[in-house]
């Protein structure tokens, strides 16, 4: 089989595209690619409209079935191709776009789904959302990015909850706000302290070293994405640990340019100061080795978003045996429960589709309960310090749950079954099979 793949963001432009719309599709494709290479020959394209059908016709001519997997939201998926096309997308709202604006029919996702005839998403929540808008028998399946195998290899059931300080190197900017004076204008005035790291003004080409210790809470997010709701995450942390010196929140920012976001982050911290806990903000590149060290230093992974299409960082850390602080809604209902996480309460509130420039209220998202987030921080800290047996059970359960959600074997089996029943691929396989005896008969006649 020939498997054509596409993502608008590629290895050549990912650095400049971090944090921009749909940049995460690159990482999803990156996780899927080894699995796809076990199923067929993978061909990446840069311009689906021009390249896909050329490859498709050539594949069919050589007796090979062919499918196009578009790692893109539906409104950016090509719908006029002859090649069987399957959009692979993430979604976290309780309805899909069902209106047309700017005279673009694809803005109504139902139009796209009717044209391509099937879809792949990453959660049962999104599957149900699509089926409500389409028909109960519309071909769609939940296939999360298969990250479990790679990160579960880092799980160490014998590791202690509280470890010795871990030092990592960051090529970029690190702000250690636990040892900074937050001035009234939101800037940082450094004191003479060996833990003080590099500010925005001091960023340079050399890596900066940061030592991380204590009960460590970790979150990875795009600071410009309001759906991540990081202000609640930070304010509740600083309030919960105002008098606690060994609680550390590490924020790994994913965006190519966070200059403006850093000001807003620091302003948020200034408003809740003074506090004795430590907040570390990292913006920069981490090698695989340094990222593994950061994972090992983490006690809990934190998510306070209004909803998730799947949430790769949460999946990665939990696969590594890190319990979570997170709500149980949208995609997270597939793998978050009270045995592997301190669950944050949440309720529905009006919202808009992120790709709708009108910002019209047409859908719902989840608003977290700040009080339960505060309680989750405090109880998780108590467990880390006083109940290592419960922590170990939560860590083990996190690994098992993520295995059942995003292991490579599970995702591959579901993908193979989905492609076997795909109408377009079944049509092509039947056509190719019908040609075989005709070709053999011609060869016999010629002999």
Protein backbone atom coordinates (compact mmCIF):
# COMPACT_ATOMS: atom_id res chain seq x y z
CA UNK A 1 0.00 0.00 0.00
CA UNK A 2 1.08 3.56 -0.73
CA UNK A 3 0.30 5.95 2.13
CA UNK A 4 0.48 9.62 1.22
CA UNK A 5 0.81 11.99 4.19
CA UNK A 6 0.60 15.75 4.54
CA UNK A 7 0.97 18.36 7.26
CA UNK A 8 1.20 22.09 6.63
CA UNK A 9 3.95 22.29 9.23
CA UNK A 10 7.06 20.30 8.36
CA UNK A 11 10.50 19.61 9.80
CA UNK A 12 11.88 22.51 7.76
CA UNK A 13 9.54 25.13 9.23
CA UNK A 14 8.57 23.74 12.65
CA UNK A 15 10.92 26.08 14.52
CA UNK A 16 9.26 29.18 13.10
CA UNK A 17 5.78 27.63 13.25
CA UNK A 18 5.71 26.67 16.94
CA UNK A 19 2.51 27.91 18.53
CA UNK A 20 0.87 28.94 15.28
CA UNK A 21 -2.49 27.47 14.18
CA UNK A 22 -2.31 23.73 13.52
CA UNK A 23 1.41 23.46 14.33
CA UNK A 24 0.75 20.43 16.54
CA UNK A 25 -0.36 18.39 13.51
CA UNK A 26 3.32 18.05 12.66
CA UNK A 27 3.99 16.29 15.97
CA UNK A 28 0.98 14.02 15.51
CA UNK A 29 2.22 12.98 12.07
CA UNK A 30 5.70 12.47 13.50
CA UNK A 31 4.29 10.03 16.07
CA UNK A 32 2.18 8.19 13.48
CA UNK A 33 4.89 7.85 10.83
CA UNK A 34 6.80 4.83 12.25
CA UNK A 35 3.51 2.97 12.55
CA UNK A 36 2.49 3.88 9.00
CA UNK A 37 5.85 2.73 7.66
CA UNK A 38 5.05 -0.75 8.97
CA UNK A 39 1.86 -0.78 6.90
CA UNK A 40 3.16 0.48 3.56
CA UNK A 41 5.34 2.92 1.67
CA UNK A 42 4.93 6.42 3.13
CA UNK A 43 5.21 9.39 0.77
CA UNK A 44 5.07 12.94 2.14
CA UNK A 45 3.74 15.73 -0.08
CA UNK A 46 3.95 19.51 0.16
CA UNK A 47 1.06 20.39 -2.18
CA UNK A 48 -1.79 17.87 -2.01
CA UNK A 49 -3.81 19.49 -4.80
CA UNK A 50 -0.98 18.98 -7.29
CA UNK A 51 0.81 15.87 -6.03
CA UNK A 52 -1.64 13.39 -4.48
CA UNK A 53 -3.57 12.23 -7.55
CA UNK A 54 -0.38 11.89 -9.61
CA UNK A 55 0.99 9.48 -7.00
CA UNK A 56 -2.39 7.76 -6.72
CA UNK A 57 -2.69 7.07 -10.46
CA UNK A 58 0.87 5.77 -10.59
CA UNK A 59 0.23 3.49 -7.61
CA UNK A 60 -2.95 2.05 -9.12
CA UNK A 61 -1.15 1.52 -12.45
CA UNK A 62 1.40 -0.61 -10.57
CA UNK A 63 -1.28 -2.61 -8.75
CA UNK A 64 -0.91 -0.86 -5.39
CA UNK A 65 -3.82 0.55 -3.36
CA UNK A 66 -3.23 4.10 -2.22
CA UNK A 67 -4.66 6.39 0.48
CA UNK A 68 -4.10 10.03 1.40
CA UNK A 69 -3.91 10.87 5.13
CA UNK A 70 -4.28 14.62 5.58
CA UNK A 71 -3.06 15.66 9.03
CA UNK A 72 -5.10 18.84 8.89
CA UNK A 73 -8.38 20.23 10.21
CA UNK A 74 -11.28 19.39 7.87
CA UNK A 75 -11.62 22.94 6.52
CA UNK A 76 -8.03 22.70 5.24
CA UNK A 77 -8.43 19.26 3.67
CA UNK A 78 -8.53 18.81 -0.09
CA UNK A 79 -11.93 17.44 -1.14
CA UNK A 80 -11.60 17.24 -4.96
CA UNK A 81 -9.12 14.39 -5.16
CA UNK A 82 -9.66 11.03 -6.82
CA UNK A 83 -7.42 9.35 -4.25
CA UNK A 84 -9.26 8.12 -1.11
CA UNK A 85 -8.74 10.96 1.38
CA UNK A 86 -8.98 10.79 5.16
CA UNK A 87 -8.57 13.91 7.33
CA UNK A 88 -6.87 13.22 10.67
CA UNK A 89 -7.80 15.98 13.07
CA UNK A 90 -8.15 17.01 16.71
CA UNK A 91 -11.24 18.69 18.19
CA UNK A 92 -12.34 19.66 21.69
CA UNK A 93 -15.71 21.40 21.39
CA UNK A 94 -19.18 19.87 21.71
CA UNK A 95 -20.18 20.75 18.14
CA UNK A 96 -18.35 20.92 14.82
CA UNK A 97 -18.52 23.98 12.53
CA UNK A 98 -21.79 23.68 10.60
CA UNK A 99 -22.00 27.10 8.94
CA UNK A 100 -20.38 28.72 5.91
CA UNK A 101 -18.55 32.03 6.17
CA UNK A 102 -16.43 33.94 3.64
CA UNK A 103 -18.13 31.86 0.90
CA UNK A 104 -15.92 28.87 1.73
CA UNK A 105 -18.04 25.67 1.79
CA UNK A 106 -15.35 23.78 3.67
CA UNK A 107 -15.94 25.95 6.74
CA UNK A 108 -18.99 23.74 7.19
CA UNK A 109 -17.22 20.54 8.16
CA UNK A 110 -20.23 18.45 7.20
CA UNK A 111 -19.53 19.38 3.58
CA UNK A 112 -15.98 18.07 3.88
CA UNK A 113 -17.03 14.84 5.56
CA UNK A 114 -19.67 14.21 2.88
CA UNK A 115 -17.05 14.72 0.15
CA UNK A 116 -14.28 12.56 1.60
CA UNK A 117 -16.59 9.99 3.18
CA UNK A 118 -14.64 9.23 6.38
CA UNK A 119 -12.41 10.72 9.08
CA UNK A 120 -9.96 9.89 11.86
CA UNK A 121 -9.80 11.78 15.13
CA UNK A 122 -8.18 11.20 18.52
CA UNK A 123 -10.94 10.71 21.10
CA UNK A 124 -14.31 9.09 21.60
CA UNK A 125 -15.65 12.51 22.58
CA UNK A 126 -14.91 13.85 19.09
CA UNK A 127 -16.22 10.70 17.41
CA UNK A 128 -19.57 11.22 19.14
CA UNK A 129 -19.57 14.93 18.30
CA UNK A 130 -19.08 14.20 14.60
CA UNK A 131 -21.69 11.44 14.56
CA UNK A 132 -24.25 13.84 16.05
CA UNK A 133 -23.64 16.19 13.12
CA UNK A 134 -23.51 13.48 10.45
CA UNK A 135 -25.25 10.09 10.57
CA UNK A 136 -24.79 7.30 13.13
CA UNK A 137 -23.05 5.14 10.55
CA UNK A 138 -20.55 7.76 9.30
CA UNK A 139 -17.10 6.06 9.12
CA UNK A 140 -14.98 7.70 11.83
CA UNK A 141 -12.60 6.20 14.37
CA UNK A 142 -10.61 7.43 17.37
CA UNK A 143 -6.87 6.90 16.87
CA UNK A 144 -4.69 8.91 19.28
CA UNK A 145 -1.05 9.54 18.51
CA UNK A 146 0.80 6.34 19.53
CA UNK A 147 3.15 7.85 22.12
CA UNK A 148 2.85 5.27 24.90
CA UNK A 149 5.60 2.85 23.89
CA UNK A 150 8.30 5.50 23.65
CA UNK A 151 7.49 7.17 26.98
CA UNK A 152 6.53 4.07 28.97
CA UNK A 153 10.12 2.92 28.50
CA UNK A 154 11.08 5.74 30.88
CA UNK A 155 8.78 4.54 33.66
CA UNK A 156 10.68 3.36 36.71
CA UNK A 157 8.40 1.79 39.30
CA UNK A 158 11.22 1.80 41.87
CA UNK A 159 11.91 5.54 41.58
CA UNK A 160 11.26 7.63 44.69
CA UNK A 161 8.62 10.34 44.61
CA UNK A 162 11.06 12.98 45.84
CA UNK A 163 14.38 12.74 44.07
CA UNK A 164 17.67 14.58 44.26
CA UNK A 165 17.86 17.86 42.31
CA UNK A 166 17.98 17.34 38.54
CA UNK A 167 19.97 19.75 36.40
CA UNK A 168 18.95 20.38 32.80
CA UNK A 169 20.41 22.52 30.02
CA UNK A 170 18.18 24.83 28.02
CA UNK A 171 19.13 26.57 24.79
CA UNK A 172 16.99 29.65 25.24
CA UNK A 173 15.42 31.68 28.02
CA UNK A 174 14.77 30.55 31.59
CA UNK A 175 13.03 32.69 34.21
CA UNK A 176 13.15 31.44 37.80
CA UNK A 177 10.45 33.53 39.41
CA UNK A 178 10.87 31.88 42.77
CA UNK A 179 14.02 33.93 43.30
CA UNK A 180 13.04 37.16 41.55
CA UNK A 181 11.57 40.40 42.75
CA UNK A 182 8.50 41.04 40.65
CA UNK A 183 8.56 44.78 40.15
CA UNK A 184 5.37 46.78 39.76
CA UNK A 185 5.92 47.13 36.03
CA UNK A 186 6.06 43.38 35.57
CA UNK A 187 9.81 43.21 34.87
CA UNK A 188 12.28 41.14 36.83
CA UNK A 189 14.85 42.62 39.20
CA UNK A 190 17.41 39.98 40.13
CA UNK A 191 18.83 39.44 43.58
CA UNK A 192 22.25 37.97 44.33
CA UNK A 193 21.20 34.32 44.51
CA UNK A 194 22.91 31.28 42.95
CA UNK A 195 19.56 29.94 41.66
CA UNK A 196 18.85 33.01 39.54
CA UNK A 197 18.90 32.14 35.88
CA UNK A 198 18.71 34.02 32.63
CA UNK A 199 16.08 36.62 31.82
CA UNK A 200 14.86 37.69 28.41
CA UNK A 201 17.41 40.50 28.26
CA UNK A 202 20.27 38.13 29.07
CA UNK A 203 19.37 35.38 26.57
CA UNK A 204 22.31 34.30 24.45
CA UNK A 205 23.63 31.40 22.37
CA UNK A 206 25.06 29.39 25.28
CA UNK A 207 22.84 26.92 27.14
CA UNK A 208 21.66 27.84 30.61
CA UNK A 209 21.60 25.30 33.43
CA UNK A 210 18.63 25.03 35.76
CA UNK A 211 18.39 22.82 38.83
CA UNK A 212 14.91 21.45 39.59
CA UNK A 213 13.94 19.91 42.91
CA UNK A 214 11.11 19.47 45.40
CA UNK A 215 7.59 18.42 44.48
CA UNK A 216 7.64 19.34 40.79
CA UNK A 217 4.53 20.21 38.78
CA UNK A 218 4.99 20.33 35.01
CA UNK A 219 2.98 21.80 32.14
CA UNK A 220 3.72 22.27 28.44
CA UNK A 221 1.59 24.72 26.45
CA UNK A 222 1.38 27.53 23.92
CA UNK A 223 1.04 30.74 25.99
CA UNK A 224 -0.96 32.45 23.23
CA UNK A 225 -3.61 29.71 23.20
CA UNK A 226 -6.36 30.91 25.53
CA UNK A 227 -7.84 27.42 25.58
CA UNK A 228 -4.94 26.30 27.79
CA UNK A 229 -6.19 28.48 30.68
CA UNK A 230 -2.71 28.84 32.18
CA UNK A 231 -3.66 31.86 34.32
CA UNK A 232 -5.77 29.64 36.59
CA UNK A 233 -2.98 27.08 36.68
CA UNK A 234 -0.45 29.64 37.89
CA UNK A 235 -2.65 31.59 40.29
CA UNK A 236 -3.98 28.48 42.04
CA UNK A 237 -0.45 27.07 42.36
CA UNK A 238 0.95 30.25 43.89
CA UNK A 239 -2.00 30.56 46.26
CA UNK A 240 -1.87 26.89 47.32
CA UNK A 241 1.87 27.08 48.06
CA UNK A 242 2.32 30.64 49.28
CA UNK A 243 4.21 29.38 52.31
CA UNK A 244 5.77 26.25 50.77
CA UNK A 245 9.34 26.50 49.51
CA UNK A 246 9.77 23.04 48.01
CA UNK A 247 6.82 23.17 45.57
CA UNK A 248 7.96 23.95 42.01
CA UNK A 249 5.89 24.69 38.90
CA UNK A 250 7.75 24.32 35.60
CA UNK A 251 6.14 25.87 32.53
CA UNK A 252 7.59 24.80 29.17
CA UNK A 253 6.37 27.28 26.55
CA UNK A 254 5.85 26.19 22.94
CA UNK A 255 5.91 29.16 20.59
CA UNK A 256 8.49 30.62 18.26
CA UNK A 257 8.18 34.09 19.83
CA UNK A 258 7.04 34.47 23.45
CA UNK A 259 8.29 38.00 24.09
CA UNK A 260 4.81 39.39 24.64
CA UNK A 261 3.58 36.30 26.45
CA UNK A 262 6.38 36.49 29.02
CA UNK A 263 5.19 39.93 30.04
CA UNK A 264 1.67 38.60 30.60
CA UNK A 265 2.94 35.56 32.50
CA UNK A 266 5.06 37.72 34.77
CA UNK A 267 2.19 40.13 35.32
CA UNK A 268 0.04 37.21 36.44
CA UNK A 269 2.72 36.19 38.93
CA UNK A 270 3.11 39.76 40.17
CA UNK A 271 -0.58 39.90 41.01
CA UNK A 272 -0.41 36.83 43.26
CA UNK A 273 2.95 37.67 44.88
CA UNK A 274 4.46 37.34 47.41
CA UNK A 275 4.84 33.57 47.51
CA UNK A 276 7.55 31.18 48.65
CA UNK A 277 6.95 28.48 46.04
CA UNK A 278 9.02 28.40 42.87
CA UNK A 279 7.83 29.02 39.30
CA UNK A 280 10.23 28.31 36.43
CA UNK A 281 9.39 29.45 32.91
CA UNK A 282 11.32 27.79 30.09
CA UNK A 283 11.31 28.95 26.49
CA UNK A 284 13.85 27.21 24.33
CA UNK A 285 15.08 23.96 22.89
CA UNK A 286 15.53 20.84 24.98
CA UNK A 287 17.44 17.91 23.51
CA UNK A 288 15.91 14.45 23.93
CA UNK A 289 18.31 13.80 26.78
CA UNK A 290 17.40 17.01 28.60
CA UNK A 291 13.69 16.41 28.02
CA UNK A 292 14.01 12.95 29.54
CA UNK A 293 15.70 14.49 32.57
CA UNK A 294 12.85 16.98 32.87
CA UNK A 295 10.34 14.13 32.74
CA UNK A 296 12.24 12.23 35.43
CA UNK A 297 12.28 15.31 37.69
CA UNK A 298 8.50 15.77 37.39
CA UNK A 299 6.17 14.66 40.17
CA UNK A 300 2.88 15.65 38.50
CA UNK A 301 1.82 16.82 35.05
CA UNK A 302 -0.79 19.60 35.09
CA UNK A 303 -3.55 20.48 32.63
CA UNK A 304 -6.15 23.20 33.29
CA UNK A 305 -7.43 23.65 29.74
CA UNK A 306 -10.99 24.32 28.59
CA UNK A 307 -10.82 21.12 26.53
CA UNK A 308 -8.40 18.90 24.61
CA UNK A 309 -8.35 17.12 21.26
CA UNK A 310 -5.90 14.65 22.82
CA UNK A 311 -3.07 16.64 24.59
CA UNK A 312 0.27 15.11 23.67
CA UNK A 313 2.24 16.47 26.69
CA UNK A 314 -0.30 15.07 29.14
CA UNK A 315 -0.23 11.71 27.35
CA UNK A 316 3.57 11.64 27.28
CA UNK A 317 4.11 12.38 30.96
CA UNK A 318 1.37 10.00 32.11
CA UNK A 319 2.81 7.27 29.89
CA UNK A 320 6.06 7.86 31.80
CA UNK A 321 4.29 7.18 35.09
CA UNK A 322 3.51 10.73 36.17
CA UNK A 323 0.10 11.20 37.80
CA UNK A 324 -1.88 14.21 36.63
CA UNK A 325 -3.83 17.17 37.87
CA UNK A 326 -6.45 17.62 35.15
CA UNK A 327 -10.17 17.82 34.37
CA UNK A 328 -11.97 14.75 33.06
CA UNK A 329 -13.69 16.07 29.93
CA UNK A 330 -13.36 16.04 26.11
CA UNK A 331 -10.50 13.75 25.01
CA UNK A 332 -9.27 13.41 28.58
CA UNK A 333 -12.29 11.26 29.48
CA UNK A 334 -10.53 8.46 27.58
CA UNK A 335 -7.61 8.28 30.02
CA UNK A 336 -8.13 10.52 33.09
CA UNK A 337 -9.77 9.09 36.20
CA UNK A 338 -9.50 9.38 39.98
CA UNK A 339 -7.01 6.51 40.14
CA UNK A 340 -4.34 8.26 38.04
CA UNK A 341 -5.15 11.94 38.57
CA UNK A 342 -6.42 14.56 40.98
CA UNK A 343 -9.49 15.46 38.96
CA UNK A 344 -10.53 19.10 38.60
CA UNK A 345 -14.25 19.81 38.39
CA UNK A 346 -15.50 21.58 35.27
CA UNK A 347 -18.76 22.94 33.83
CA UNK A 348 -19.92 23.91 30.35
CA UNK A 349 -19.89 27.53 29.19
CA UNK A 350 -20.58 29.25 25.82
CA UNK A 351 -17.71 29.56 23.38
CA UNK A 352 -16.86 29.91 19.68
CA UNK A 353 -15.09 27.70 17.16
CA UNK A 354 -11.41 28.75 17.07
CA UNK A 355 -11.30 28.98 13.26
CA UNK A 356 -14.40 31.24 13.13
CA UNK A 357 -13.26 34.88 12.71
CA UNK A 358 -16.73 36.08 13.71
CA UNK A 359 -16.15 34.66 17.21
CA UNK A 360 -19.85 33.86 17.27
CA UNK A 361 -21.10 31.76 20.17
CA UNK A 362 -22.00 28.49 18.47
CA UNK A 363 -20.54 25.86 20.76
CA UNK A 364 -19.58 25.00 24.34
CA UNK A 365 -16.31 24.49 26.17
CA UNK A 366 -15.43 23.60 29.77
CA UNK A 367 -14.68 26.08 32.53
CA UNK A 368 -12.68 24.57 35.37
CA UNK A 369 -13.53 25.05 39.04
CA UNK A 370 -10.66 27.04 40.58
CA UNK A 371 -11.38 25.79 44.08
CA UNK A 372 -11.02 22.13 43.14
CA UNK A 373 -7.78 23.00 41.32
CA UNK A 374 -6.48 24.57 44.52
CA UNK A 375 -7.49 21.48 46.49
CA UNK A 376 -5.86 19.22 43.89
CA UNK A 377 -2.54 21.01 44.31
CA UNK A 378 -2.67 20.73 48.09
CA UNK A 379 -3.74 17.09 48.19
CA UNK A 380 -1.22 16.04 45.54
CA UNK A 381 1.55 17.71 47.57
CA UNK A 382 0.42 15.84 50.68
CA UNK A 383 0.45 12.53 48.79
CA UNK A 384 3.95 13.18 47.41
CA UNK A 385 5.30 13.98 50.87
CA UNK A 386 3.33 11.59 53.09
CA UNK A 387 1.81 8.75 51.04
CA UNK A 388 4.36 7.25 48.61
CA UNK A 389 2.34 4.04 48.32
CA UNK A 390 -0.67 5.90 46.91
CA UNK A 391 1.59 7.86 44.57
CA UNK A 392 3.09 4.61 43.28
CA UNK A 393 -0.39 3.19 42.63
CA UNK A 394 -1.41 6.33 40.75
CA UNK A 395 1.76 6.22 38.66
CA UNK A 396 1.24 2.57 37.75
CA UNK A 397 -2.40 3.19 36.87
CA UNK A 398 -1.40 6.12 34.65
CA UNK A 399 0.91 3.88 32.65
CA UNK A 400 -1.76 1.18 32.25
CA UNK A 401 -4.49 3.62 31.22
CA UNK A 402 -2.33 5.27 28.59
CA UNK A 403 -1.33 1.87 27.25
CA UNK A 404 -5.02 1.16 26.67
CA UNK A 405 -5.42 4.54 24.98
CA UNK A 406 -2.36 5.22 22.84
CA UNK A 407 -0.07 2.20 22.58
CA UNK A 408 1.31 1.46 19.13
CA UNK A 409 -0.19 -2.03 18.89
CA UNK A 410 -3.66 -0.81 19.80
CA UNK A 411 -3.59 2.14 17.39
CA UNK A 412 -2.16 0.02 14.59
CA UNK A 413 -4.82 -2.68 14.96
CA UNK A 414 -7.61 -0.10 14.85
CA UNK A 415 -6.08 1.67 11.86
CA UNK A 416 -5.69 -1.58 9.90
CA UNK A 417 -9.32 -2.49 10.61
CA UNK A 418 -10.52 0.98 9.63
CA UNK A 419 -8.60 0.96 6.33
CA UNK A 420 -9.82 -2.56 5.55
CA UNK A 421 -13.42 -1.31 5.66
CA UNK A 422 -12.79 2.04 3.98
CA UNK A 423 -15.19 2.35 0.99
CA UNK A 424 -12.69 3.97 -1.34
CA UNK A 425 -9.92 1.50 -0.59
CA UNK A 426 -12.29 -1.46 -0.87
CA UNK A 427 -13.38 -0.18 -4.29
CA UNK A 428 -9.78 0.10 -5.47
CA UNK A 429 -8.81 -3.32 -4.10
CA UNK A 430 -11.73 -4.94 -5.90
CA UNK A 431 -10.82 -3.16 -9.15
CA UNK A 432 -7.17 -4.24 -8.83
CA UNK A 433 -8.16 -7.83 -8.04
CA UNK A 434 -10.44 -7.93 -11.09
CA UNK A 435 -7.55 -6.96 -13.35
CA UNK A 436 -5.28 -9.81 -12.23
CA UNK A 437 -7.04 -12.71 -14.00
CA UNK A 438 -7.45 -10.60 -17.15
CA UNK A 439 -3.72 -9.93 -17.21
CA UNK A 440 -2.95 -13.62 -16.60
CA UNK A 441 -5.34 -14.63 -19.40
CA UNK A 442 -3.60 -12.29 -21.80
CA UNK A 443 -0.25 -13.77 -20.91
CA UNK A 444 -1.55 -17.31 -21.51
CA UNK A 445 -3.06 -16.32 -24.87
CA UNK A 446 0.18 -14.66 -25.90
CA UNK A 447 2.08 -17.82 -25.02
